[in-house]
Each structure stands twice: as structure tokens, then as C-alpha cells.
């Protein structure tokens, strides 16, 4: 993966699909604490209700296929 090649620790990268609605709060806590800097996920999962744009993320990448 590109981020690993750039020596970004895997622990700082999260995939939103690994967090269901019941543990989405845990994802926000990881971002707020600075443990997660890069968040990957589909537009459907990241566009509505995932209010993390002011929480110390380096990047959000939307991964959708045409």
C-alpha cells in the first residue's frame, strides 16, 4: 500500500468499513486522539454523518469504482 511505502504506520490508517454504527464512536475517538491520521472508505460511508473534517486528519480518501 502506498501509505506503508511512505512509512506511515499502519496503526495510523483506518478503514471506515471496519467500524459499524455501534463502534463508530471509537473511530471518532481514535481520530480525536491523533492515533488515526488517514481514513479510507466509500463515499456512501464517509459523506454523510462522518463529521471528522476538523479532527486532525491528514487526508480522507473516497474509494469508489465507476
PDB file of N, CA and C in Angstrom:
ATOM      1  N   UNK A   1       0.848  -1.182   0.000  1.00  0.00           N
ATOM      2  CA  UNK A   1       0.000   0.000   0.000  1.00  0.00           C
ATOM      3  C   UNK A   1       0.890   1.240   0.000  1.00  0.00           C
ATOM      4  N   UNK A   2       0.457   2.260  -0.663  1.00  0.00           N
ATOM      5  CA  UNK A   2       1.218   3.492  -0.803  1.00  0.00           C
ATOM      6  C   UNK A   2       1.605   4.096   0.543  1.00  0.00           C
ATOM      7  N   UNK A   3       0.683   4.102   1.478  1.00  0.00           N
ATOM      8  CA  UNK A   3       0.953   4.736   2.773  1.00  0.00           C
ATOM      9  C   UNK A   3       2.041   3.993   3.536  1.00  0.00           C
ATOM     10  N   UNK A   4       2.039   2.685   3.436  1.00  0.00           N
ATOM     11  CA  UNK A   4       3.073   1.881   4.082  1.00  0.00           C
ATOM     12  C   UNK A   4       4.418   2.160   3.416  1.00  0.00           C
ATOM     13  N   UNK A   5       4.409   2.281   2.077  1.00  0.00           N
ATOM     14  CA  UNK A   5       5.639   2.595   1.343  1.00  0.00           C
ATOM     15  C   UNK A   5       6.183   3.966   1.756  1.00  0.00           C
ATOM     16  N   UNK A   6       5.290   4.872   2.128  1.00  0.00           N
ATOM     17  CA  UNK A   6       5.703   6.199   2.596  1.00  0.00           C
ATOM     18  C   UNK A   6       6.059   6.201   4.085  1.00  0.00           C
ATOM     19  N   UNK A   7       6.094   5.005   4.672  1.00  0.00           N
ATOM     20  CA  UNK A   7       6.466   4.791   6.065  1.00  0.00           C
ATOM     21  C   UNK A   7       5.479   5.404   7.057  1.00  0.00           C
ATOM     22  N   UNK A   8       4.213   5.470   6.650  1.00  0.00           N
ATOM     23  CA  UNK A   8       3.155   5.866   7.583  1.00  0.00           C
ATOM     24  C   UNK A   8       2.756   4.597   8.319  1.00  0.00           C
ATOM     25  N   UNK A   9       2.824   4.598   9.637  1.00  0.00           N
ATOM     26  CA  UNK A   9       2.492   3.381  10.382  1.00  0.00           C
ATOM     27  C   UNK A   9       1.069   2.906  10.096  1.00  0.00           C
ATOM     28  N   UNK A  10       0.924   1.610   9.951  1.00  0.00           N
ATOM     29  CA  UNK A  10      -0.380   1.032   9.661  1.00  0.00           C
ATOM     30  C   UNK A  10      -1.403   1.377  10.740  1.00  0.00           C
ATOM     31  N   UNK A  11      -0.935   1.584  11.950  1.00  0.00           N
ATOM     32  CA  UNK A  11      -1.841   1.920  13.061  1.00  0.00           C
ATOM     33  C   UNK A  11      -2.471   3.298  12.909  1.00  0.00           C
ATOM     34  N   UNK A  12      -1.914   4.155  12.033  1.00  0.00           N
ATOM     35  CA  UNK A  12      -2.450   5.496  11.814  1.00  0.00           C
ATOM     36  C   UNK A  12      -3.408   5.551  10.629  1.00  0.00           C
ATOM     37  N   UNK A  13      -3.701   4.402  10.044  1.00  0.00           N
ATOM     38  CA  UNK A  13      -4.587   4.320   8.882  1.00  0.00           C
ATOM     39  C   UNK A  13      -5.820   3.514   9.289  1.00  0.00           C
ATOM     40  N   UNK A  14      -7.006   4.060   9.013  1.00  0.00           N
ATOM     41  CA  UNK A  14      -8.246   3.351   9.345  1.00  0.00           C
ATOM     42  C   UNK A  14      -9.112   3.202   8.099  1.00  0.00           C
ATOM     43  N   UNK A  15      -9.884   2.144   8.077  1.00  0.00           N
ATOM     44  CA  UNK A  15     -10.831   1.861   7.004  1.00  0.00           C
ATOM     45  C   UNK A  15     -12.212   1.941   7.632  1.00  0.00           C
ATOM     46  N   UNK A  16     -13.007   2.917   7.215  1.00  0.00           N
ATOM     47  CA  UNK A  16     -14.293   3.188   7.857  1.00  0.00           C
ATOM     48  C   UNK A  16     -15.203   1.964   7.868  1.00  0.00           C
ATOM     49  N   UNK A  17     -15.045   1.076   6.906  1.00  0.00           N
ATOM     50  CA  UNK A  17     -15.898  -0.104   6.835  1.00  0.00           C
ATOM     51  C   UNK A  17     -15.580  -1.123   7.928  1.00  0.00           C
ATOM     52  N   UNK A  18     -14.474  -0.939   8.633  1.00  0.00           N
ATOM     53  CA  UNK A  18     -14.154  -1.793   9.777  1.00  0.00           C
ATOM     54  C   UNK A  18     -14.925  -1.373  11.029  1.00  0.00           C
ATOM     55  N   UNK A  19     -15.604  -0.235  10.969  1.00  0.00           N
ATOM     56  CA  UNK A  19     -16.343   0.300  12.106  1.00  0.00           C
ATOM     57  C   UNK A  19     -17.823   0.368  11.756  1.00  0.00           C
ATOM     58  N   UNK A  20     -18.640  -0.417  12.439  1.00  0.00           N
ATOM     59  CA  UNK A  20     -20.079  -0.346  12.190  1.00  0.00           C
ATOM     60  C   UNK A  20     -20.674   0.778  13.035  1.00  0.00           C
ATOM     61  N   UNK A  21     -21.973   0.966  12.951  1.00  0.00           N
ATOM     62  CA  UNK A  21     -22.611   2.085  13.654  1.00  0.00           C
ATOM     63  C   UNK A  21     -22.406   2.026  15.156  1.00  0.00           C
ATOM     64  N   UNK A  22     -22.341   0.832  15.710  1.00  0.00           N
ATOM     65  CA  UNK A  22     -22.207   0.721  17.164  1.00  0.00           C
ATOM     66  C   UNK A  22     -20.818   1.096  17.662  1.00  0.00           C
ATOM     67  N   UNK A  23     -19.788   0.965  16.835  1.00  0.00           N
ATOM     68  CA  UNK A  23     -18.448   1.355  17.293  1.00  0.00           C
ATOM     69  C   UNK A  23     -17.854   2.511  16.489  1.00  0.00           C
ATOM     70  N   UNK A  24     -18.702   3.266  15.808  1.00  0.00           N
ATOM     71  CA  UNK A  24     -18.246   4.449  15.069  1.00  0.00           C
ATOM     72  C   UNK A  24     -17.699   5.509  16.031  1.00  0.00           C
ATOM     73  N   UNK A  25     -18.207   5.523  17.258  1.00  0.00           N
ATOM     74  CA  UNK A  25     -17.693   6.454  18.262  1.00  0.00           C
ATOM     75  C   UNK A  25     -16.217   6.174  18.535  1.00  0.00           C
ATOM     76  N   UNK A  26     -15.838   4.904  18.526  1.00  0.00           N
ATOM     77  CA  UNK A  26     -14.435   4.526  18.733  1.00  0.00           C
ATOM     78  C   UNK A  26     -13.561   5.119  17.631  1.00  0.00           C
ATOM     79  N   UNK A  27     -14.043   5.109  16.400  1.00  0.00           N
ATOM     80  CA  UNK A  27     -13.301   5.700  15.291  1.00  0.00           C
ATOM     81  C   UNK A  27     -13.095   7.196  15.534  1.00  0.00           C
ATOM     82  N   UNK A  28     -14.134   7.896  15.951  1.00  0.00           N
ATOM     83  CA  UNK A  28     -14.013   9.331  16.246  1.00  0.00           C
ATOM     84  C   UNK A  28     -13.003   9.571  17.360  1.00  0.00           C
ATOM     85  N   UNK A  29     -13.005   8.709  18.363  1.00  0.00           N
ATOM     86  CA  UNK A  29     -12.042   8.842  19.464  1.00  0.00           C
ATOM     87  C   UNK A  29     -10.612   8.640  18.976  1.00  0.00           C
ATOM     88  N   UNK A  30     -10.414   7.672  18.090  1.00  0.00           N
ATOM     89  CA  UNK A  30      -9.072   7.437  17.542  1.00  0.00           C
ATOM     90  C   UNK A  30      -8.585   8.630  16.735  1.00  0.00           C
ATOM     91  N   UNK A  31      -9.492   9.252  15.992  1.00  0.00           N
ATOM     92  CA  UNK A  31      -9.129  10.432  15.204  1.00  0.00           C
ATOM     93  C   UNK A  31      -8.868  11.620  16.121  1.00  0.00           C
ATOM     94  N   UNK A  32      -9.745  11.837  17.101  1.00  0.00           N
ATOM     95  CA  UNK A  32      -9.586  12.954  18.041  1.00  0.00           C
ATOM     96  C   UNK A  32      -8.278  12.861  18.816  1.00  0.00           C
ATOM     97  N   UNK A  33      -7.884  11.658  19.178  1.00  0.00           N
ATOM     98  CA  UNK A  33      -6.673  11.479  19.979  1.00  0.00           C
ATOM     99  C   UNK A  33      -5.403  11.556  19.133  1.00  0.00           C
ATOM    100  N   UNK A  34      -5.558  11.564  17.810  1.00  0.00           N
ATOM    101  CA  UNK A  34      -4.392  11.635  16.934  1.00  0.00           C
ATOM    102  C   UNK A  34      -3.810  10.279  16.592  1.00  0.00           C
ATOM    103  N   UNK A  35      -4.490   9.201  16.974  1.00  0.00           N
ATOM    104  CA  UNK A  35      -3.997   7.863  16.662  1.00  0.00           C
ATOM    105  C   UNK A  35      -4.237   7.496  15.203  1.00  0.00           C
ATOM    106  N   UNK A  36      -5.276   8.072  14.585  1.00  0.00           N
ATOM    107  CA  UNK A  36      -5.579   7.827  13.177  1.00  0.00           C
ATOM    108  C   UNK A  36      -5.463   9.144  12.428  1.00  0.00           C
ATOM    109  N   UNK A  37      -4.671   9.120  11.342  1.00  0.00           N
ATOM    110  CA  UNK A  37      -4.477  10.323  10.530  1.00  0.00           C
ATOM    111  C   UNK A  37      -5.028  10.179   9.123  1.00  0.00           C
ATOM    112  N   UNK A  38      -5.220   8.950   8.679  1.00  0.00           N
ATOM    113  CA  UNK A  38      -5.706   8.716   7.323  1.00  0.00           C
ATOM    114  C   UNK A  38      -6.912   7.796   7.418  1.00  0.00           C
ATOM    115  N   UNK A  39      -8.014   8.218   6.794  1.00  0.00           N
ATOM    116  CA  UNK A  39      -9.255   7.464   6.828  1.00  0.00           C
ATOM    117  C   UNK A  39      -9.663   7.096   5.406  1.00  0.00           C
ATOM    118  N   UNK A  40      -9.870   5.820   5.165  1.00  0.00           N
ATOM    119  CA  UNK A  40     -10.259   5.319   3.856  1.00  0.00           C
ATOM    120  C   UNK A  40     -11.686   4.794   3.916  1.00  0.00           C
ATOM    121  N   UNK A  41     -12.427   4.988   2.831  1.00  0.00           N
ATOM    122  CA  UNK A  41     -13.781   4.447   2.785  1.00  0.00           C
ATOM    123  C   UNK A  41     -14.537   4.919   1.567  1.00  0.00           C
ATOM    124  N   UNK A  42     -15.710   4.348   1.387  1.00  0.00           N
ATOM    125  CA  UNK A  42     -16.539   4.709   0.242  1.00  0.00           C
ATOM    126  C   UNK A  42     -17.233   6.050   0.491  1.00  0.00           C
ATOM    127  N   UNK A  43     -17.672   6.669  -0.568  1.00  0.00           N
ATOM    128  CA  UNK A  43     -18.412   7.923  -0.464  1.00  0.00           C
ATOM    129  C   UNK A  43     -19.660   7.733   0.378  1.00  0.00           C
ATOM    130  N   UNK A  44     -20.328   6.605   0.212  1.00  0.00           N
ATOM    131  CA  UNK A  44     -21.551   6.336   0.963  1.00  0.00           C
ATOM    132  C   UNK A  44     -21.289   6.336   2.472  1.00  0.00           C
ATOM    133  N   UNK A  45     -20.185   5.744   2.899  1.00  0.00           N
ATOM    134  CA  UNK A  45     -19.885   5.654   4.328  1.00  0.00           C
ATOM    135  C   UNK A  45     -19.272   6.942   4.893  1.00  0.00           C
ATOM    136  N   UNK A  46     -18.555   7.700   4.065  1.00  0.00           N
ATOM    137  CA  UNK A  46     -17.837   8.871   4.573  1.00  0.00           C
ATOM    138  C   UNK A  46     -18.538  10.205   4.318  1.00  0.00           C
ATOM    139  N   UNK A  47     -19.503  10.239   3.424  1.00  0.00           N
ATOM    140  CA  UNK A  47     -20.040  11.548   3.036  1.00  0.00           C
ATOM    141  C   UNK A  47     -21.086  12.083   4.000  1.00  0.00           C
ATOM    142  N   UNK A  48     -21.918  11.237   4.557  1.00  0.00           N
ATOM    143  CA  UNK A  48     -22.999  11.711   5.413  1.00  0.00           C
ATOM    144  C   UNK A  48     -22.819  11.179   6.825  1.00  0.00           C
ATOM    145  N   UNK A  49     -22.760  12.083   7.784  1.00  0.00           N
ATOM    146  CA  UNK A  49     -22.704  11.679   9.179  1.00  0.00           C
ATOM    147  C   UNK A  49     -21.344  11.299   9.706  1.00  0.00           C
ATOM    148  N   UNK A  50     -20.321  11.433   8.913  1.00  0.00           N
ATOM    149  CA  UNK A  50     -18.964  11.133   9.377  1.00  0.00           C
ATOM    150  C   UNK A  50     -18.235  12.463   9.533  1.00  0.00           C
ATOM    151  N   UNK A  51     -18.545  13.163  10.601  1.00  0.00           N
ATOM    152  CA  UNK A  51     -18.075  14.524  10.812  1.00  0.00           C
ATOM    153  C   UNK A  51     -16.682  14.533  11.447  1.00  0.00           C
ATOM    154  N   UNK A  52     -15.676  14.262  10.632  1.00  0.00           N
ATOM    155  CA  UNK A  52     -14.307  14.210  11.139  1.00  0.00           C
ATOM    156  C   UNK A  52     -13.384  15.216  10.449  1.00  0.00           C
ATOM    157  N   UNK A  53     -13.948  16.122   9.687  1.00  0.00           N
ATOM    158  CA  UNK A  53     -13.114  17.019   8.887  1.00  0.00           C
ATOM    159  C   UNK A  53     -12.305  18.020   9.712  1.00  0.00           C
ATOM    160  N   UNK A  54     -12.635  18.219  10.973  1.00  0.00           N
ATOM    161  CA  UNK A  54     -11.867  19.156  11.799  1.00  0.00           C
ATOM    162  C   UNK A  54     -11.167  18.445  12.954  1.00  0.00           C
ATOM    163  N   UNK A  55     -10.876  17.192  12.784  1.00  0.00           N
ATOM    164  CA  UNK A  55     -10.385  16.416  13.911  1.00  0.00           C
ATOM    165  C   UNK A  55      -8.954  15.921  13.743  1.00  0.00           C
ATOM    166  N   UNK A  56      -8.125  16.590  13.015  1.00  0.00           N
ATOM    167  CA  UNK A  56      -6.727  16.210  12.941  1.00  0.00           C
ATOM    168  C   UNK A  56      -6.374  15.164  11.909  1.00  0.00           C
ATOM    169  N   UNK A  57      -7.253  14.953  10.942  1.00  0.00           N
ATOM    170  CA  UNK A  57      -6.928  14.024   9.870  1.00  0.00           C
ATOM    171  C   UNK A  57      -5.955  14.674   8.897  1.00  0.00           C
ATOM    172  N   UNK A  58      -5.090  13.889   8.331  1.00  0.00           N
ATOM    173  CA  UNK A  58      -4.227  14.362   7.257  1.00  0.00           C
ATOM    174  C   UNK A  58      -4.971  14.298   5.930  1.00  0.00           C
ATOM    175  N   UNK A  59      -5.766  13.229   5.767  1.00  0.00           N
ATOM    176  CA  UNK A  59      -6.444  13.044   4.485  1.00  0.00           C
ATOM    177  C   UNK A  59      -7.645  12.118   4.649  1.00  0.00           C
ATOM    178  N   UNK A  60      -8.626  12.317   3.795  1.00  0.00           N
ATOM    179  CA  UNK A  60      -9.734  11.374   3.655  1.00  0.00           C
ATOM    180  C   UNK A  60      -9.770  10.986   2.192  1.00  0.00           C
ATOM    181  N   UNK A  61      -9.761   9.713   1.916  1.00  0.00           N
ATOM    182  CA  UNK A  61      -9.794   9.226   0.554  1.00  0.00           C
ATOM    183  C   UNK A  61     -11.088   8.450   0.334  1.00  0.00           C
ATOM    184  N   UNK A  62     -11.833   8.842  -0.679  1.00  0.00           N
ATOM    185  CA  UNK A  62     -13.053   8.145  -1.068  1.00  0.00           C
ATOM    186  C   UNK A  62     -12.682   7.117  -2.136  1.00  0.00           C
ATOM    187  N   UNK A  63     -13.034   5.879  -1.890  1.00  0.00           N
ATOM    188  CA  UNK A  63     -12.684   4.804  -2.818  1.00  0.00           C
ATOM    189  C   UNK A  63     -13.965   4.254  -3.430  1.00  0.00           C
ATOM    190  N   UNK A  64     -14.298   4.704  -4.620  1.00  0.00           N
ATOM    191  CA  UNK A  64     -15.480   4.231  -5.334  1.00  0.00           C
ATOM    192  C   UNK A  64     -15.086   3.791  -6.721  1.00  0.00           C
ATOM    193  N   UNK A  65     -15.729   2.745  -7.181  1.00  0.00           N
ATOM    194  CA  UNK A  65     -15.481   2.292  -8.545  1.00  0.00           C
ATOM    195  C   UNK A  65     -16.567   2.844  -9.458  1.00  0.00           C
ATOM    196  N   UNK A  66     -16.228   3.086 -10.712  1.00  0.00           N
ATOM    197  CA  UNK A  66     -17.227   3.620 -11.636  1.00  0.00           C
ATOM    198  C   UNK A  66     -18.334   2.628 -11.921  1.00  0.00           C
TER     199      UNK A  66
END
